[in-house]
PDB file of N, CA and C in Angstrom:
ATOM      1  N   UNK A   1      -0.018 -17.706  -6.182  1.00  0.00           N
ATOM      2  CA  UNK A   1       0.376 -17.260  -5.515  1.00  0.00           C
ATOM      3  C   UNK A   1       1.978 -16.748  -4.707  1.00  0.00           C
ATOM      4  N   UNK A   2       2.410 -18.103  -4.669  1.00  0.00           N
ATOM      5  CA  UNK A   2       3.861 -18.060  -4.633  1.00  0.00           C
ATOM      6  C   UNK A   2       4.847 -17.423  -5.356  1.00  0.00           C
ATOM      7  N   UNK A   3       4.527 -17.473  -6.902  1.00  0.00           N
ATOM      8  CA  UNK A   3       5.177 -16.721  -7.924  1.00  0.00           C
ATOM      9  C   UNK A   3       5.045 -15.255  -7.360  1.00  0.00           C
ATOM     10  N   UNK A   4       4.096 -14.838  -6.926  1.00  0.00           N
ATOM     11  CA  UNK A   4       3.637 -13.206  -6.680  1.00  0.00           C
ATOM     12  C   UNK A   4       4.739 -12.886  -5.504  1.00  0.00           C
ATOM     13  N   UNK A   5       4.661 -13.662  -4.827  1.00  0.00           N
ATOM     14  CA  UNK A   5       5.536 -13.172  -3.264  1.00  0.00           C
ATOM     15  C   UNK A   5       6.919 -13.307  -3.638  1.00  0.00           C
ATOM     16  N   UNK A   6       7.350 -14.421  -4.223  1.00  0.00           N
ATOM     17  CA  UNK A   6       8.614 -14.197  -4.252  1.00  0.00           C
ATOM     18  C   UNK A   6       9.270 -13.448  -5.786  1.00  0.00           C
ATOM     19  N   UNK A   7       8.293 -12.672  -6.275  1.00  0.00           N
ATOM     20  CA  UNK A   7       8.606 -11.765  -7.660  1.00  0.00           C
ATOM     21  C   UNK A   7       8.758 -10.577  -6.466  1.00  0.00           C
ATOM     22  N   UNK A   8       7.630 -10.350  -5.646  1.00  0.00           N
ATOM     23  CA  UNK A   8       7.872  -8.947  -5.238  1.00  0.00           C
ATOM     24  C   UNK A   8       8.838  -8.688  -4.550  1.00  0.00           C
ATOM     25  N   UNK A   9      10.439 -10.008  -3.669  1.00  0.00           N
ATOM     26  CA  UNK A   9      10.897  -9.802  -2.829  1.00  0.00           C
ATOM     27  C   UNK A   9      12.200  -9.456  -4.007  1.00  0.00           C
ATOM     28  N   UNK A  10      12.500 -10.313  -5.097  1.00  0.00           N
ATOM     29  CA  UNK A  10      13.492  -9.391  -5.491  1.00  0.00           C
ATOM     30  C   UNK A  10      13.595  -7.688  -5.931  1.00  0.00           C
ATOM     31  N   UNK A  11      11.935  -7.627  -6.143  1.00  0.00           N
ATOM     32  CA  UNK A  11      11.901  -5.993  -6.621  1.00  0.00           C
ATOM     33  C   UNK A  11      12.277  -5.137  -5.208  1.00  0.00           C
ATOM     34  N   UNK A  12      11.984  -5.662  -4.114  1.00  0.00           N
ATOM     35  CA  UNK A  12      12.625  -4.885  -2.858  1.00  0.00           C
ATOM     36  C   UNK A  12      13.579  -4.822  -2.663  1.00  0.00           C
ATOM     37  N   UNK A  13      14.111  -5.735  -3.098  1.00  0.00           N
ATOM     38  CA  UNK A  13      15.570  -6.426  -2.596  1.00  0.00           C
ATOM     39  C   UNK A  13      16.702  -5.292  -3.395  1.00  0.00           C
ATOM     40  N   UNK A  14      16.041  -4.855  -5.244  1.00  0.00           N
ATOM     41  CA  UNK A  14      16.520  -3.995  -6.018  1.00  0.00           C
ATOM     42  C   UNK A  14      16.144  -2.592  -5.357  1.00  0.00           C
ATOM     43  N   UNK A  15      15.052  -2.246  -4.789  1.00  0.00           N
ATOM     44  CA  UNK A  15      14.801  -0.974  -4.552  1.00  0.00           C
ATOM     45  C   UNK A  15      15.843  -0.639  -3.034  1.00  0.00           C
ATOM     46  N   UNK A  16      15.902  -1.874  -2.181  1.00  0.00           N
ATOM     47  CA  UNK A  16      17.437  -1.799  -1.569  1.00  0.00           C
ATOM     48  C   UNK A  16      18.432  -1.203  -1.310  1.00  0.00           C
ATOM     49  N   UNK A  17      18.824  -2.397  -2.342  1.00  0.00           N
ATOM     50  CA  UNK A  17      20.380  -1.797  -3.140  1.00  0.00           C
ATOM     51  C   UNK A  17      20.359  -0.269  -4.437  1.00  0.00           C
ATOM     52  N   UNK A  18      19.473  -0.081  -4.637  1.00  0.00           N
ATOM     53  CA  UNK A  18      19.590   1.712  -5.122  1.00  0.00           C
ATOM     54  C   UNK A  18      19.855   2.455  -4.117  1.00  0.00           C
ATOM     55  N   UNK A  19      18.832   2.216  -3.132  1.00  0.00           N
ATOM     56  CA  UNK A  19      18.716   3.017  -2.133  1.00  0.00           C
ATOM     57  C   UNK A  19      20.012   3.221  -1.581  1.00  0.00           C
ATOM     58  N   UNK A  20      20.542   1.619  -1.072  1.00  0.00           N
ATOM     59  CA  UNK A  20      22.269   1.780  -0.701  1.00  0.00           C
ATOM     60  C   UNK A  20      23.007   2.589  -1.272  1.00  0.00           C
ATOM     61  N   UNK A  21      22.598   2.087  -3.234  1.00  0.00           N
ATOM     62  CA  UNK A  21      24.074   3.297  -3.618  1.00  0.00           C
ATOM     63  C   UNK A  21      23.777   4.751  -3.714  1.00  0.00           C
ATOM     64  N   UNK A  22      22.491   5.013  -3.355  1.00  0.00           N
ATOM     65  CA  UNK A  22      22.129   6.611  -3.459  1.00  0.00           C
ATOM     66  C   UNK A  22      23.127   6.998  -2.812  1.00  0.00           C
ATOM     67  N   UNK A  23      23.357   6.787  -0.939  1.00  0.00           N
ATOM     68  CA  UNK A  23      23.945   7.881  -0.326  1.00  0.00           C
ATOM     69  C   UNK A  23      25.567   7.869  -0.851  1.00  0.00           C
ATOM     70  N   UNK A  24      26.404   6.515  -1.171  1.00  0.00           N
ATOM     71  CA  UNK A  24      27.573   6.449  -1.045  1.00  0.00           C
ATOM     72  C   UNK A  24      27.661   7.687  -2.223  1.00  0.00           C
ATOM     73  N   UNK A  25      26.558   7.427  -3.534  1.00  0.00           N
ATOM     74  CA  UNK A  25      26.910   8.491  -4.278  1.00  0.00           C
ATOM     75  C   UNK A  25      26.769   9.695  -3.928  1.00  0.00           C
ATOM     76  N   UNK A  26      26.068  10.589  -2.699  1.00  0.00           N
ATOM     77  CA  UNK A  26      26.173  11.836  -2.346  1.00  0.00           C
ATOM     78  C   UNK A  26      26.894  11.983  -1.527  1.00  0.00           C
ATOM     79  N   UNK A  27      27.843  10.875  -0.869  1.00  0.00           N
ATOM     80  CA  UNK A  27      29.224  11.213   0.116  1.00  0.00           C
ATOM     81  C   UNK A  27      30.207  11.222  -0.797  1.00  0.00           C
ATOM     82  N   UNK A  28      30.650  10.901  -2.156  1.00  0.00           N
ATOM     83  CA  UNK A  28      31.026  11.536  -2.930  1.00  0.00           C
ATOM     84  C   UNK A  28      30.905  12.480  -3.618  1.00  0.00           C
ATOM     85  N   UNK A  29      29.953  13.191  -3.672  1.00  0.00           N
ATOM     86  CA  UNK A  29      29.856  14.685  -3.811  1.00  0.00           C
ATOM     87  C   UNK A  29      30.470  15.728  -2.474  1.00  0.00           C
ATOM     88  N   UNK A  30      29.742  15.255  -1.979  1.00  0.00           N
ATOM     89  CA  UNK A  30      29.626  16.316  -0.309  1.00  0.00           C
ATOM     90  C   UNK A  30      31.448  16.657  -0.562  1.00  0.00           C
ATOM     91  N   UNK A  31      32.073  15.726  -0.291  1.00  0.00           N
ATOM     92  CA  UNK A  31      33.576  16.787  -0.123  1.00  0.00           C
ATOM     93  C   UNK A  31      33.888  17.545  -1.171  1.00  0.00           C
ATOM     94  N   UNK A  32      33.439  17.284  -2.473  1.00  0.00           N
ATOM     95  CA  UNK A  32      33.556  18.487  -3.355  1.00  0.00           C
ATOM     96  C   UNK A  32      32.493  20.057  -2.815  1.00  0.00           C
ATOM     97  N   UNK A  33      31.902  19.979  -2.650  1.00  0.00           N
ATOM     98  CA  UNK A  33      30.953  21.236  -2.102  1.00  0.00           C
ATOM     99  C   UNK A  33      31.521  21.653  -0.690  1.00  0.00           C
ATOM    100  N   UNK A  34      32.547  20.733  -0.059  1.00  0.00           N
ATOM    101  CA  UNK A  34      32.880  21.254   0.848  1.00  0.00           C
ATOM    102  C   UNK A  34      33.956  21.692   0.793  1.00  0.00           C
ATOM    103  N   UNK A  35      34.866  21.510   0.054  1.00  0.00           N
ATOM    104  CA  UNK A  35      35.933  22.000  -0.403  1.00  0.00           C
ATOM    105  C   UNK A  35      36.301  23.436  -1.478  1.00  0.00           C
ATOM    106  N   UNK A  36      37.192  23.885  -0.660  1.00  0.00           N
ATOM    107  CA  UNK A  36      36.730  25.321  -1.222  1.00  0.00           C
ATOM    108  C   UNK A  36      37.489  25.243  -3.102  1.00  0.00           C
ATOM    109  N   UNK A  37      36.971  26.158  -4.038  1.00  0.00           N
ATOM    110  CA  UNK A  37      37.449  26.330  -5.277  1.00  0.00           C
ATOM    111  C   UNK A  37      38.562  26.987  -5.306  1.00  0.00           C
ATOM    112  N   UNK A  38      39.222  26.328  -6.817  1.00  0.00           N
ATOM    113  CA  UNK A  38      40.651  26.839  -7.352  1.00  0.00           C
ATOM    114  C   UNK A  38      40.126  27.804  -8.279  1.00  0.00           C
ATOM    115  N   UNK A  39      40.643  29.091  -7.904  1.00  0.00           N
ATOM    116  CA  UNK A  39      39.678  30.093  -9.002  1.00  0.00           C
ATOM    117  C   UNK A  39      41.074  30.426  -9.589  1.00  0.00           C
ATOM    118  N   UNK A  40      42.369  30.809  -8.818  1.00  0.00           N
ATOM    119  CA  UNK A  40      43.553  31.253  -9.855  1.00  0.00           C
ATOM    120  C   UNK A  40      44.341  30.324 -10.882  1.00  0.00           C
ATOM    121  N   UNK A  41      44.418  30.307 -11.874  1.00  0.00           N
ATOM    122  CA  UNK A  41      44.745  29.029 -12.745  1.00  0.00           C
ATOM    123  C   UNK A  41      46.370  28.789 -12.787  1.00  0.00           C
ATOM    124  N   UNK A  42      46.445  29.370 -11.898  1.00  0.00           N
ATOM    125  CA  UNK A  42      47.898  29.072 -11.399  1.00  0.00           C
ATOM    126  C   UNK A  42      48.328  28.378  -9.480  1.00  0.00           C
ATOM    127  N   UNK A  43      49.102  27.120  -9.804  1.00  0.00           N
ATOM    128  CA  UNK A  43      48.863  26.714  -8.500  1.00  0.00           C
ATOM    129  C   UNK A  43      50.574  26.877  -8.333  1.00  0.00           C
ATOM    130  N   UNK A  44      50.598  26.406  -6.783  1.00  0.00           N
ATOM    131  CA  UNK A  44      52.155  26.914  -6.398  1.00  0.00           C
ATOM    132  C   UNK A  44      52.653  25.705  -6.046  1.00  0.00           C
ATOM    133  N   UNK A  45      54.016  25.176  -6.697  1.00  0.00           N
ATOM    134  CA  UNK A  45      54.290  23.619  -6.500  1.00  0.00           C
ATOM    135  C   UNK A  45      55.691  23.772  -5.221  1.00  0.00           C
ATOM    136  N   UNK A  46      55.236  23.054  -4.068  1.00  0.00           N
ATOM    137  CA  UNK A  46      56.820  23.251  -3.595  1.00  0.00           C
ATOM    138  C   UNK A  46      57.171  21.891  -3.180  1.00  0.00           C
ATOM    139  N   UNK A  47      58.580  21.703  -3.626  1.00  0.00           N
ATOM    140  CA  UNK A  47      59.309  20.321  -3.736  1.00  0.00           C
ATOM    141  C   UNK A  47      60.832  20.453  -3.586  1.00  0.00           C
ATOM    142  N   UNK A  48      61.395  19.712  -2.612  1.00  0.00           N
ATOM    143  CA  UNK A  48      62.749  20.001  -2.730  1.00  0.00           C
ATOM    144  C   UNK A  48      63.174  21.429  -2.511  1.00  0.00           C
ATOM    145  N   UNK A  49      62.592  22.220  -1.586  1.00  0.00           N
ATOM    146  CA  UNK A  49      62.735  23.368  -0.795  1.00  0.00           C
ATOM    147  C   UNK A  49      62.872  24.755  -2.087  1.00  0.00           C
ATOM    148  N   UNK A  50      61.859  24.321  -3.335  1.00  0.00           N
ATOM    149  CA  UNK A  50      61.761  25.241  -4.086  1.00  0.00           C
ATOM    150  C   UNK A  50      60.698  25.529  -4.016  1.00  0.00           C
ATOM    151  N   UNK A  51      59.839  26.722  -4.737  1.00  0.00           N
ATOM    152  CA  UNK A  51      58.818  27.026  -4.852  1.00  0.00           C
ATOM    153  C   UNK A  51      58.771  27.657  -6.543  1.00  0.00           C
ATOM    154  N   UNK A  52      57.608  27.020  -6.910  1.00  0.00           N
ATOM    155  CA  UNK A  52      57.413  27.449  -8.243  1.00  0.00           C
ATOM    156  C   UNK A  52      55.587  27.310  -9.126  1.00  0.00           C
ATOM    157  N   UNK A  53      55.900  28.208  -9.814  1.00  0.00           N
ATOM    158  CA  UNK A  53      54.190  27.796 -10.741  1.00  0.00           C
ATOM    159  C   UNK A  53      53.982  27.187 -11.460  1.00  0.00           C
ATOM    160  N   UNK A  54      52.964  26.348 -11.357  1.00  0.00           N
ATOM    161  CA  UNK A  54      52.224  25.448 -12.583  1.00  0.00           C
ATOM    162  C   UNK A  54      50.727  25.790 -12.977  1.00  0.00           C
ATOM    163  N   UNK A  55      50.448  25.147 -13.888  1.00  0.00           N
ATOM    164  CA  UNK A  55      49.232  25.702 -14.306  1.00  0.00           C
ATOM    165  C   UNK A  55      48.116  24.761 -13.121  1.00  0.00           C
ATOM    166  N   UNK A  56      47.536  24.790 -12.914  1.00  0.00           N
ATOM    167  CA  UNK A  56      46.242  24.531 -11.866  1.00  0.00           C
ATOM    168  C   UNK A  56      45.858  22.969 -12.524  1.00  0.00           C
ATOM    169  N   UNK A  57      45.325  23.253 -13.700  1.00  0.00           N
ATOM    170  CA  UNK A  57      45.087  21.932 -14.311  1.00  0.00           C
ATOM    171  C   UNK A  57      45.688  20.582 -14.015  1.00  0.00           C
ATOM    172  N   UNK A  58      47.038  20.879 -14.686  1.00  0.00           N
ATOM    173  CA  UNK A  58      48.184  20.255 -14.430  1.00  0.00           C
ATOM    174  C   UNK A  58      48.249  19.668 -13.033  1.00  0.00           C
ATOM    175  N   UNK A  59      48.043  20.206 -11.936  1.00  0.00           N
ATOM    176  CA  UNK A  59      48.606  20.101 -10.642  1.00  0.00           C
ATOM    177  C   UNK A  59      47.352  19.541  -9.705  1.00  0.00           C
ATOM    178  N   UNK A  60      45.802  18.566 -10.701  1.00  0.00           N
ATOM    179  CA  UNK A  60      44.724  18.524  -9.677  1.00  0.00           C
ATOM    180  C   UNK A  60      45.091  16.808  -9.659  1.00  0.00           C
ATOM    181  N   UNK A  61      45.537  16.451 -10.161  1.00  0.00           N
ATOM    182  CA  UNK A  61      45.850  14.986 -10.136  1.00  0.00           C
ATOM    183  C   UNK A  61      47.134  14.179 -10.175  1.00  0.00           C
ATOM    184  N   UNK A  62      47.411  13.419  -9.435  1.00  0.00           N
ATOM    185  CA  UNK A  62      48.786  13.079  -8.972  1.00  0.00           C
ATOM    186  C   UNK A  62      49.608  12.183 -10.429  1.00  0.00           C
ATOM    187  N   UNK A  63      48.975  12.088 -11.188  1.00  0.00           N
ATOM    188  CA  UNK A  63      49.205  11.065 -11.801  1.00  0.00           C
ATOM    189  C   UNK A  63      49.800  12.318 -13.428  1.00  0.00           C
ATOM    190  N   UNK A  64      48.685  13.438 -13.048  1.00  0.00           N
ATOM    191  CA  UNK A  64      49.529  13.644 -14.342  1.00  0.00           C
ATOM    192  C   UNK A  64      50.917  14.662 -13.753  1.00  0.00           C
ATOM    193  N   UNK A  65      50.619  15.442 -12.784  1.00  0.00           N
ATOM    194  CA  UNK A  65      51.633  15.954 -12.108  1.00  0.00           C
ATOM    195  C   UNK A  65      53.040  15.099 -11.809  1.00  0.00           C
ATOM    196  N   UNK A  66      52.825  14.088 -11.828  1.00  0.00           N
ATOM    197  CA  UNK A  66      53.899  12.937 -11.877  1.00  0.00           C
ATOM    198  C   UNK A  66      54.531  12.921 -13.375  1.00  0.00           C
ATOM    199  N   UNK A  67      53.846  13.488 -14.304  1.00  0.00           N
ATOM    200  CA  UNK A  67      54.336  12.967 -15.975  1.00  0.00           C
ATOM    201  C   UNK A  67      54.732  14.363 -15.596  1.00  0.00           C
ATOM    202  N   UNK A  68      54.524  15.363 -15.408  1.00  0.00           N
ATOM    203  CA  UNK A  68      55.222  16.732 -15.990  1.00  0.00           C
ATOM    204  C   UNK A  68      56.425  16.654 -15.315  1.00  0.00           C
ATOM    205  N   UNK A  69      56.372  16.300 -13.595  1.00  0.00           N
ATOM    206  CA  UNK A  69      57.720  16.621 -12.910  1.00  0.00           C
ATOM    207  C   UNK A  69      59.028  15.739 -13.274  1.00  0.00           C
ATOM    208  N   UNK A  70      58.266  14.493 -13.229  1.00  0.00           N
ATOM    209  CA  UNK A  70      59.297  13.320 -13.544  1.00  0.00           C
ATOM    210  C   UNK A  70      60.735  13.745 -14.111  1.00  0.00           C
ATOM    211  N   UNK A  71      60.651  14.238 -15.011  1.00  0.00           N
ATOM    212  CA  UNK A  71      62.315  14.614 -15.581  1.00  0.00           C
ATOM    213  C   UNK A  71      62.582  15.742 -15.022  1.00  0.00           C
ATOM    214  N   UNK A  72      62.129  16.213 -14.229  1.00  0.00           N
ATOM    215  CA  UNK A  72      63.009  17.292 -13.740  1.00  0.00           C
ATOM    216  C   UNK A  72      63.541  16.982 -11.999  1.00  0.00           C
ATOM    217  N   UNK A  73      62.622  16.076 -11.285  1.00  0.00           N
ATOM    218  CA  UNK A  73      62.677  15.809 -10.108  1.00  0.00           C
ATOM    219  C   UNK A  73      62.478  13.925 -10.099  1.00  0.00           C
ATOM    220  N   UNK A  74      63.144  13.344  -9.713  1.00  0.00           N
ATOM    221  CA  UNK A  74      63.125  11.767 -10.234  1.00  0.00           C
ATOM    222  C   UNK A  74      62.810  11.351  -8.917  1.00  0.00           C
ATOM    223  N   UNK A  75      62.631  12.239  -7.561  1.00  0.00           N
ATOM    224  CA  UNK A  75      62.490  11.945  -6.259  1.00  0.00           C
ATOM    225  C   UNK A  75      60.602  11.819  -6.248  1.00  0.00           C
ATOM    226  N   UNK A  76      60.019  12.194  -7.444  1.00  0.00           N
ATOM    227  CA  UNK A  76      58.368  12.481  -7.559  1.00  0.00           C
ATOM    228  C   UNK A  76      57.642  11.050  -7.551  1.00  0.00           C
ATOM    229  N   UNK A  77      58.152  10.161  -8.194  1.00  0.00           N
ATOM    230  CA  UNK A  77      57.728   8.848  -8.360  1.00  0.00           C
ATOM    231  C   UNK A  77      57.288   8.066  -6.736  1.00  0.00           C
ATOM    232  N   UNK A  78      57.620   8.500  -6.039  1.00  0.00           N
ATOM    233  CA  UNK A  78      57.394   7.784  -4.423  1.00  0.00           C
ATOM    234  C   UNK A  78      57.499   8.682  -3.643  1.00  0.00           C
ATOM    235  N   UNK A  79      56.646   9.858  -4.179  1.00  0.00           N
ATOM    236  CA  UNK A  79      56.591  10.679  -2.652  1.00  0.00           C
ATOM    237  C   UNK A  79      55.529  11.226  -2.845  1.00  0.00           C
ATOM    238  N   UNK A  80      55.057  11.908  -1.091  1.00  0.00           N
ATOM    239  CA  UNK A  80      53.980  11.705  -0.462  1.00  0.00           C
ATOM    240  C   UNK A  80      53.295  13.636  -1.086  1.00  0.00           C
ATOM    241  N   UNK A  81      52.146  13.664  -1.802  1.00  0.00           N
ATOM    242  CA  UNK A  81      51.632  14.735  -2.284  1.00  0.00           C
ATOM    243  C   UNK A  81      50.671  15.258  -1.733  1.00  0.00           C
ATOM    244  N   UNK A  82      50.531  16.545  -1.167  1.00  0.00           N
ATOM    245  CA  UNK A  82      49.295  16.916  -0.586  1.00  0.00           C
ATOM    246  C   UNK A  82      49.039  18.438  -1.305  1.00  0.00           C
ATOM    247  N   UNK A  83      47.338  18.209  -1.107  1.00  0.00           N
ATOM    248  CA  UNK A  83      47.087  20.054  -1.793  1.00  0.00           C
ATOM    249  C   UNK A  83      46.282  20.620  -0.548  1.00  0.00           C
ATOM    250  N   UNK A  84      46.042  21.987  -1.126  1.00  0.00           N
ATOM    251  CA  UNK A  84      45.400  22.875   0.155  1.00  0.00           C
ATOM    252  C   UNK A  84      44.849  24.168  -0.785  1.00  0.00           C
ATOM    253  N   UNK A  85      43.887  24.022  -0.786  1.00  0.00           N
ATOM    254  CA  UNK A  85      43.525  25.593  -1.288  1.00  0.00           C
ATOM    255  C   UNK A  85      43.528  26.595  -0.181  1.00  0.00           C
ATOM    256  N   UNK A  86      43.874  28.048  -0.418  1.00  0.00           N
ATOM    257  CA  UNK A  86      43.847  28.885   0.013  1.00  0.00           C
ATOM    258  C   UNK A  86      43.898  30.497  -0.726  1.00  0.00           C
ATOM    259  N   UNK A  87      42.618  30.753  -0.612  1.00  0.00           N
ATOM    260  CA  UNK A  87      42.168  32.269  -1.405  1.00  0.00           C
ATOM    261  C   UNK A  87      42.333  31.735  -2.648  1.00  0.00           C
ATOM    262  N   UNK A  88      41.687  30.574  -2.669  1.00  0.00           N
ATOM    263  CA  UNK A  88      41.728  30.288  -4.189  1.00  0.00           C
ATOM    264  C   UNK A  88      42.586  29.942  -4.942  1.00  0.00           C
ATOM    265  N   UNK A  89      43.862  30.099  -4.436  1.00  0.00           N
ATOM    266  CA  UNK A  89      45.326  29.254  -4.857  1.00  0.00           C
ATOM    267  C   UNK A  89      45.607  28.187  -4.654  1.00  0.00           C
ATOM    268  N   UNK A  90      45.783  27.099  -5.575  1.00  0.00           N
ATOM    269  CA  UNK A  90      46.102  25.516  -5.097  1.00  0.00           C
ATOM    270  C   UNK A  90      47.983  25.676  -4.750  1.00  0.00           C
ATOM    271  N   UNK A  91      48.017  25.059  -3.812  1.00  0.00           N
ATOM    272  CA  UNK A  91      49.230  24.879  -3.002  1.00  0.00           C
ATOM    273  C   UNK A  91      50.061  23.332  -3.128  1.00  0.00           C
ATOM    274  N   UNK A  92      50.836  22.710  -3.527  1.00  0.00           N
ATOM    275  CA  UNK A  92      50.740  21.564  -3.739  1.00  0.00           C
ATOM    276  C   UNK A  92      52.171  20.956  -3.156  1.00  0.00           C
ATOM    277  N   UNK A  93      52.253  20.395  -1.733  1.00  0.00           N
ATOM    278  CA  UNK A  93      53.295  20.293  -1.298  1.00  0.00           C
ATOM    279  C   UNK A  93      53.954  19.140  -1.527  1.00  0.00           C
ATOM    280  N   UNK A  94      55.242  18.867  -2.091  1.00  0.00           N
ATOM    281  CA  UNK A  94      55.712  17.306  -2.495  1.00  0.00           C
ATOM    282  C   UNK A  94      56.971  16.850  -1.645  1.00  0.00           C
ATOM    283  N   UNK A  95      56.770  15.534  -0.744  1.00  0.00           N
ATOM    284  CA  UNK A  95      57.722  15.477   0.068  1.00  0.00           C
ATOM    285  C   UNK A  95      58.391  14.009  -0.195  1.00  0.00           C
ATOM    286  N   UNK A  96      59.909  13.780  -0.984  1.00  0.00           N
ATOM    287  CA  UNK A  96      59.962  12.693  -1.064  1.00  0.00           C
ATOM    288  C   UNK A  96      60.000  11.435   0.236  1.00  0.00           C
ATOM    289  N   UNK A  97      59.576  10.343  -0.632  1.00  0.00           N
ATOM    290  CA  UNK A  97      59.821   9.373   0.585  1.00  0.00           C
ATOM    291  C   UNK A  97      60.958   8.372   0.599  1.00  0.00           C
ATOM    292  N   UNK A  98      61.233   7.874   1.654  1.00  0.00           N
ATOM    293  CA  UNK A  98      62.844   7.298   1.861  1.00  0.00           C
ATOM    294  C   UNK A  98      62.578   5.942   1.075  1.00  0.00           C
ATOM    295  N   UNK A  99      63.511   5.128  -0.195  1.00  0.00           N
ATOM    296  CA  UNK A  99      63.186   4.404  -0.326  1.00  0.00           C
ATOM    297  C   UNK A  99      64.437   3.133   0.220  1.00  0.00           C
ATOM    298  N   UNK A 100      63.824   2.548  -0.071  1.00  0.00           N
ATOM    299  CA  UNK A 100      64.735   0.573   0.904  1.00  0.00           C
ATOM    300  C   UNK A 100      66.407   0.671   0.208  1.00  0.00           C
ATOM    301  N   UNK A 101      67.111   0.498   0.628  1.00  0.00           N
ATOM    302  CA  UNK A 101      68.440   0.622   0.235  1.00  0.00           C
ATOM    303  C   UNK A 101      68.582  -1.285   0.133  1.00  0.00           C
ATOM    304  N   UNK A 102      69.430  -1.090  -0.912  1.00  0.00           N
ATOM    305  CA  UNK A 102      70.343  -2.589  -0.683  1.00  0.00           C
ATOM    306  C   UNK A 102      68.582  -3.622  -1.332  1.00  0.00           C
ATOM    307  N   UNK A 103      69.435  -4.993  -0.969  1.00  0.00           N
ATOM    308  CA  UNK A 103      68.506  -6.254  -1.408  1.00  0.00           C
ATOM    309  C   UNK A 103      68.120  -7.159  -0.730  1.00  0.00           C
ATOM    310  N   UNK A 104      66.477  -6.975  -0.392  1.00  0.00           N
ATOM    311  CA  UNK A 104      65.867  -8.075   0.971  1.00  0.00           C
ATOM    312  C   UNK A 104      65.430  -8.651   0.489  1.00  0.00           C
TER     313      UNK A 104
END
């Protein structure tokens, strides 16, 4: 009977772990539902006082955006990138961060 009791406990722990994991998965889906959808195929990029259009698919992720803009704007490597969706159009604002000068 001891084996039955101990075997039931790991199953309960497994169920608890599955239950604990489920809310975490729901949390990751919740912001996607609350955030407005991008319907315009172009995104507006704002960087160093300039505004221009770029494919919205390229502007979705920081890594992709940095690869695309790096040849034109060297300051993007350490920049702060923020995104906003208004009326179905994605607007990406890029603000460069000051870097340390000299040896530390």
